Protein backbone atom coordinates (compact mmCIF):
# COMPACT_ATOMS: atom_id res chain seq x y z
CA UNK A 1 0.00 0.00 0.00
CA UNK A 2 2.85 2.36 0.86
CA UNK A 3 4.34 1.85 -2.62
CA UNK A 4 1.02 2.76 -4.26
CA UNK A 5 0.95 6.01 -2.31
CA UNK A 6 4.50 6.81 -3.41
CA UNK A 7 3.60 6.18 -7.05
CA UNK A 8 0.48 8.32 -6.73
CA UNK A 9 2.49 11.16 -5.21
CA UNK A 10 5.13 10.88 -7.93
CA UNK A 11 2.45 11.14 -10.61
CA UNK A 12 0.91 14.18 -8.94
CA UNK A 13 4.37 15.74 -8.69
CA UNK A 14 4.81 15.29 -12.45
CA UNK A 15 1.48 17.00 -13.05
CA UNK A 16 2.50 19.89 -10.81
CA UNK A 17 5.85 20.21 -12.60
CA UNK A 18 4.15 20.38 -15.99
CA UNK A 19 1.77 23.01 -14.65
CA UNK A 20 4.70 25.15 -13.49
CA UNK A 21 6.55 24.79 -16.78
CA UNK A 22 3.56 25.47 -19.03
CA UNK A 23 1.89 28.22 -17.01
CA UNK A 24 -1.15 29.66 -18.77
CA UNK A 25 -0.98 27.17 -21.63
CA UNK A 26 -1.19 24.17 -19.27
CA UNK A 27 -4.89 23.40 -19.83
CA UNK A 28 -4.67 23.67 -23.61
CA UNK A 29 -1.57 21.49 -23.93
CA UNK A 30 -2.90 18.90 -21.48
CA UNK A 31 -6.11 18.72 -23.52
CA UNK A 32 -4.10 18.05 -26.69
CA UNK A 33 -2.01 15.33 -25.08
CA UNK A 34 -5.12 13.93 -23.39
CA UNK A 35 -6.91 13.56 -26.73
CA UNK A 36 -4.02 11.52 -28.12
CA UNK A 37 -3.79 9.33 -25.02
CA UNK A 38 -7.55 8.74 -25.04
CA UNK A 39 -7.49 7.80 -28.73
CA UNK A 40 -4.62 5.34 -28.21
CA UNK A 41 -6.36 3.93 -25.14
CA UNK A 42 -9.59 3.31 -27.02
CA UNK A 43 -7.87 2.04 -30.16
CA UNK A 44 -5.78 -0.50 -28.26
CA UNK A 45 -8.28 -1.38 -25.55
CA UNK A 46 -5.97 -0.19 -22.79
CA UNK A 47 -6.50 1.91 -19.69
CA UNK A 48 -5.04 5.41 -19.64
CA UNK A 49 -1.87 4.48 -17.75
CA UNK A 50 -1.13 1.44 -19.94
CA UNK A 51 -1.69 3.48 -23.11
CA UNK A 52 0.62 6.23 -21.84
CA UNK A 53 3.27 3.70 -20.87
CA UNK A 54 3.12 2.12 -24.33
CA UNK A 55 3.31 5.49 -26.05
CA UNK A 56 6.43 6.39 -24.09
CA UNK A 57 8.00 2.99 -24.80
CA UNK A 58 7.28 3.26 -28.52
CA UNK A 59 8.83 6.73 -28.78
CA UNK A 60 12.57 6.34 -28.13
CA UNK A 61 13.30 9.87 -29.36
CA UNK A 62 10.77 11.44 -27.00
CA UNK A 63 12.43 14.15 -24.93
CA UNK A 64 12.06 14.36 -21.17
CA UNK A 65 9.53 17.21 -21.40
CA UNK A 66 7.41 15.13 -23.78
CA UNK A 67 7.40 12.29 -21.29
CA UNK A 68 6.54 14.71 -18.49
CA UNK A 69 3.62 16.13 -20.49
CA UNK A 70 2.30 12.68 -21.39
CA UNK A 71 2.37 11.60 -17.75
CA UNK A 72 0.79 14.87 -16.61
CA UNK A 73 -1.96 14.54 -19.22
CA UNK A 74 -2.64 10.96 -18.10
CA UNK A 75 -2.95 12.16 -14.51
CA UNK A 76 -5.35 14.91 -15.64
CA UNK A 77 -7.50 12.34 -17.44
CA UNK A 78 -7.67 10.17 -14.33
CA UNK A 79 -7.81 12.85 -11.64
CA UNK A 80 -8.43 16.32 -13.09
CA UNK A 81 -7.01 19.15 -11.06
CA UNK A 82 -9.42 21.81 -9.84
CA UNK A 83 -9.53 24.95 -12.02
CA UNK A 84 -8.48 27.26 -9.26
CA UNK A 85 -5.40 25.15 -8.51
CA UNK A 86 -4.43 24.81 -12.17
CA UNK A 87 -4.70 28.54 -12.74
CA UNK A 88 -2.98 29.53 -9.52
C-alpha atoms as a PDB file:
ATOM      1  CA  UNK A   1       0.000   0.000   0.000  1.00  0.00           C
ATOM      2  CA  UNK A   2       2.853   2.362   0.859  1.00  0.00           C
ATOM      3  CA  UNK A   3       4.336   1.847  -2.619  1.00  0.00           C
ATOM      4  CA  UNK A   4       1.018   2.762  -4.265  1.00  0.00           C
ATOM      5  CA  UNK A   5       0.952   6.013  -2.310  1.00  0.00           C
ATOM      6  CA  UNK A   6       4.497   6.807  -3.408  1.00  0.00           C
ATOM      7  CA  UNK A   7       3.603   6.179  -7.045  1.00  0.00           C
ATOM      8  CA  UNK A   8       0.479   8.322  -6.728  1.00  0.00           C
ATOM      9  CA  UNK A   9       2.486  11.160  -5.210  1.00  0.00           C
ATOM     10  CA  UNK A  10       5.135  10.884  -7.926  1.00  0.00           C
ATOM     11  CA  UNK A  11       2.446  11.141 -10.610  1.00  0.00           C
ATOM     12  CA  UNK A  12       0.907  14.184  -8.941  1.00  0.00           C
ATOM     13  CA  UNK A  13       4.369  15.736  -8.693  1.00  0.00           C
ATOM     14  CA  UNK A  14       4.812  15.285 -12.452  1.00  0.00           C
ATOM     15  CA  UNK A  15       1.479  16.999 -13.050  1.00  0.00           C
ATOM     16  CA  UNK A  16       2.499  19.894 -10.812  1.00  0.00           C
ATOM     17  CA  UNK A  17       5.852  20.208 -12.595  1.00  0.00           C
ATOM     18  CA  UNK A  18       4.152  20.376 -15.985  1.00  0.00           C
ATOM     19  CA  UNK A  19       1.766  23.015 -14.652  1.00  0.00           C
ATOM     20  CA  UNK A  20       4.704  25.152 -13.486  1.00  0.00           C
ATOM     21  CA  UNK A  21       6.553  24.794 -16.784  1.00  0.00           C
ATOM     22  CA  UNK A  22       3.556  25.466 -19.033  1.00  0.00           C
ATOM     23  CA  UNK A  23       1.889  28.220 -17.014  1.00  0.00           C
ATOM     24  CA  UNK A  24      -1.155  29.663 -18.767  1.00  0.00           C
ATOM     25  CA  UNK A  25      -0.980  27.171 -21.631  1.00  0.00           C
ATOM     26  CA  UNK A  26      -1.191  24.169 -19.265  1.00  0.00           C
ATOM     27  CA  UNK A  27      -4.887  23.396 -19.828  1.00  0.00           C
ATOM     28  CA  UNK A  28      -4.666  23.674 -23.612  1.00  0.00           C
ATOM     29  CA  UNK A  29      -1.574  21.495 -23.928  1.00  0.00           C
ATOM     30  CA  UNK A  30      -2.899  18.903 -21.481  1.00  0.00           C
ATOM     31  CA  UNK A  31      -6.110  18.723 -23.519  1.00  0.00           C
ATOM     32  CA  UNK A  32      -4.102  18.051 -26.687  1.00  0.00           C
ATOM     33  CA  UNK A  33      -2.014  15.327 -25.077  1.00  0.00           C
ATOM     34  CA  UNK A  34      -5.117  13.927 -23.393  1.00  0.00           C
ATOM     35  CA  UNK A  35      -6.910  13.557 -26.733  1.00  0.00           C
ATOM     36  CA  UNK A  36      -4.019  11.519 -28.116  1.00  0.00           C
ATOM     37  CA  UNK A  37      -3.790   9.328 -25.016  1.00  0.00           C
ATOM     38  CA  UNK A  38      -7.546   8.742 -25.044  1.00  0.00           C
ATOM     39  CA  UNK A  39      -7.490   7.798 -28.735  1.00  0.00           C
ATOM     40  CA  UNK A  40      -4.625   5.335 -28.210  1.00  0.00           C
ATOM     41  CA  UNK A  41      -6.357   3.930 -25.137  1.00  0.00           C
ATOM     42  CA  UNK A  42      -9.594   3.311 -27.021  1.00  0.00           C
ATOM     43  CA  UNK A  43      -7.867   2.045 -30.161  1.00  0.00           C
ATOM     44  CA  UNK A  44      -5.781  -0.503 -28.258  1.00  0.00           C
ATOM     45  CA  UNK A  45      -8.282  -1.383 -25.554  1.00  0.00           C
ATOM     46  CA  UNK A  46      -5.966  -0.188 -22.786  1.00  0.00           C
ATOM     47  CA  UNK A  47      -6.499   1.905 -19.694  1.00  0.00           C
ATOM     48  CA  UNK A  48      -5.044   5.411 -19.642  1.00  0.00           C
ATOM     49  CA  UNK A  49      -1.875   4.475 -17.746  1.00  0.00           C
ATOM     50  CA  UNK A  50      -1.132   1.445 -19.939  1.00  0.00           C
ATOM     51  CA  UNK A  51      -1.692   3.484 -23.110  1.00  0.00           C
ATOM     52  CA  UNK A  52       0.616   6.231 -21.838  1.00  0.00           C
ATOM     53  CA  UNK A  53       3.271   3.703 -20.871  1.00  0.00           C
ATOM     54  CA  UNK A  54       3.121   2.116 -24.329  1.00  0.00           C
ATOM     55  CA  UNK A  55       3.313   5.493 -26.045  1.00  0.00           C
ATOM     56  CA  UNK A  56       6.433   6.393 -24.089  1.00  0.00           C
ATOM     57  CA  UNK A  57       7.996   2.987 -24.797  1.00  0.00           C
ATOM     58  CA  UNK A  58       7.276   3.264 -28.520  1.00  0.00           C
ATOM     59  CA  UNK A  59       8.834   6.728 -28.780  1.00  0.00           C
ATOM     60  CA  UNK A  60      12.569   6.344 -28.125  1.00  0.00           C
ATOM     61  CA  UNK A  61      13.300   9.867 -29.365  1.00  0.00           C
ATOM     62  CA  UNK A  62      10.771  11.442 -27.003  1.00  0.00           C
ATOM     63  CA  UNK A  63      12.434  14.153 -24.933  1.00  0.00           C
ATOM     64  CA  UNK A  64      12.060  14.356 -21.173  1.00  0.00           C
ATOM     65  CA  UNK A  65       9.533  17.206 -21.400  1.00  0.00           C
ATOM     66  CA  UNK A  66       7.411  15.132 -23.780  1.00  0.00           C
ATOM     67  CA  UNK A  67       7.404  12.290 -21.291  1.00  0.00           C
ATOM     68  CA  UNK A  68       6.540  14.714 -18.493  1.00  0.00           C
ATOM     69  CA  UNK A  69       3.621  16.130 -20.488  1.00  0.00           C
ATOM     70  CA  UNK A  70       2.302  12.675 -21.393  1.00  0.00           C
ATOM     71  CA  UNK A  71       2.375  11.601 -17.749  1.00  0.00           C
ATOM     72  CA  UNK A  72       0.793  14.873 -16.609  1.00  0.00           C
ATOM     73  CA  UNK A  73      -1.962  14.541 -19.216  1.00  0.00           C
ATOM     74  CA  UNK A  74      -2.637  10.964 -18.101  1.00  0.00           C
ATOM     75  CA  UNK A  75      -2.954  12.162 -14.514  1.00  0.00           C
ATOM     76  CA  UNK A  76      -5.349  14.914 -15.641  1.00  0.00           C
ATOM     77  CA  UNK A  77      -7.499  12.335 -17.438  1.00  0.00           C
ATOM     78  CA  UNK A  78      -7.668  10.167 -14.332  1.00  0.00           C
ATOM     79  CA  UNK A  79      -7.813  12.851 -11.637  1.00  0.00           C
ATOM     80  CA  UNK A  80      -8.430  16.318 -13.086  1.00  0.00           C
ATOM     81  CA  UNK A  81      -7.015  19.152 -11.061  1.00  0.00           C
ATOM     82  CA  UNK A  82      -9.418  21.813  -9.845  1.00  0.00           C
ATOM     83  CA  UNK A  83      -9.527  24.949 -12.020  1.00  0.00           C
ATOM     84  CA  UNK A  84      -8.482  27.257  -9.256  1.00  0.00           C
ATOM     85  CA  UNK A  85      -5.399  25.152  -8.512  1.00  0.00           C
ATOM     86  CA  UNK A  86      -4.433  24.812 -12.173  1.00  0.00           C
ATOM     87  CA  UNK A  87      -4.703  28.542 -12.738  1.00  0.00           C
ATOM     88  CA  UNK A  88      -2.979  29.534  -9.522  1.00  0.00           C
END
